[in-house]
């Protein structure tokens, strides 16, 4: 019994290793996708902007030490050789530096940009993974449809040949069925090649050839977007879209850059403290030890720098205008993406329902045509055409169902709300491919 239990556990592990749903593939993508890893590294680099900006507001301390061998020659004291030593420390605390403060505020916004870009990369990974996953499923469906159609054509070809041999049909039916069979063979090769390409595309994301994937079952629940208002989705997107958040932070950085450069005209005020200890200094032929402590404030007022500050201000103002227009362009693009995704969901729902009805009609037409062939009012060509129509309807319905799911995910991504939880909802519609 123990061996049997271990064997069953082993079979279960093998099954888990071979079969994967959308969430499983996404977890592999999180670990292995190079583009997402790059985005995480960029985020880690981006958050370091904050301590770098804060550093300009904190004390700056430096320590210096020296050991010097001195050789002097004097007409009064003659030649002398001695070693002098010194050590000193200096501490500067900025009290008023407008440029440093603006740089610190910019650093806060740069962290916001890094966070928004990482969020955007996370949503992009979900979309890319789902797209690649369903591309593989659709290619598998196309291959299965072509093979099923090829088998059906083979049956019609055999029947046409038998009918020709007994004299109940002409050679035209056999030739037509043979041509359809040859075409189906070519389509099978193309479909198999397309499946391999789609699997390689998924491999690029997860870092290895994909395992057997769960397929879309018959329990797909079609529903309109919630809320069922395109304006509500656009408003949500304008508020939560990571792309817009990054652009808003970029515009804030550009505004701060104008103020930072204008601060080049402003005075700076620092608190300064220093201490030095120098030994064996030569003063008038005497070796002297000195200690010096200094504390106070230091004011610096720039007067003229050759027009550099004014030029930098004008450059920053132009970049601010550019950032404003980039923000407006990004807002319009988000509105467009949201509208397209919303319409993709609503039209996709209607298309799936229409194709489901078209498939039923195509199946009924095929059954009627086959019956007509048996009673002699239809030809083999009519049956082949009806079969092709039915398999085309199946292929179009499968593609429409995948597009409906992807449009739903794109709509949530456009609104900035797409998360791993949404993949879990899609998994409920998937079943094992066994």
Foldseek 3Di string as FASTA:
>chain_A
DVVVVVVVVVVVVVVVVQEDELLRLLVLLCVDAPVLVVLVVLLVVLLVQQVVLCVLQAKDKDKDKDKDWDWDADPVQGIDTDIKIKIKMKIKHWDDQQLSVLSNVLSVLSNLLSVLSSLLSSLVSSLLSLVLQLQLQLLVLQLVLLVVLLVVLVVLLVVQVVCVVVPNHPCVSNVVSVVVNVVSVVSNVVSVVSNVVSQVSSCNSSVHRHHAYFHFAPPDDADADVVNDLVVLLVLLCVAASVLSSLVSVLVSLVSQLSSLVSVQPKIKMWMKMKMWMWQDADPNDGDTDIDIDTDMDIDGDDDDPCPSVVSNVVSVVVSVVSVVVSVVVSVVLSVLLVVLNVLQVVLSVQLVVLVVQLVVLVVLLVVQVVCVVVPNHGSVSNSVSSVSNSVSVSSNSVSSSSNLSSVSSNCNSSNNRDSVSSVVSSVRTDHPD
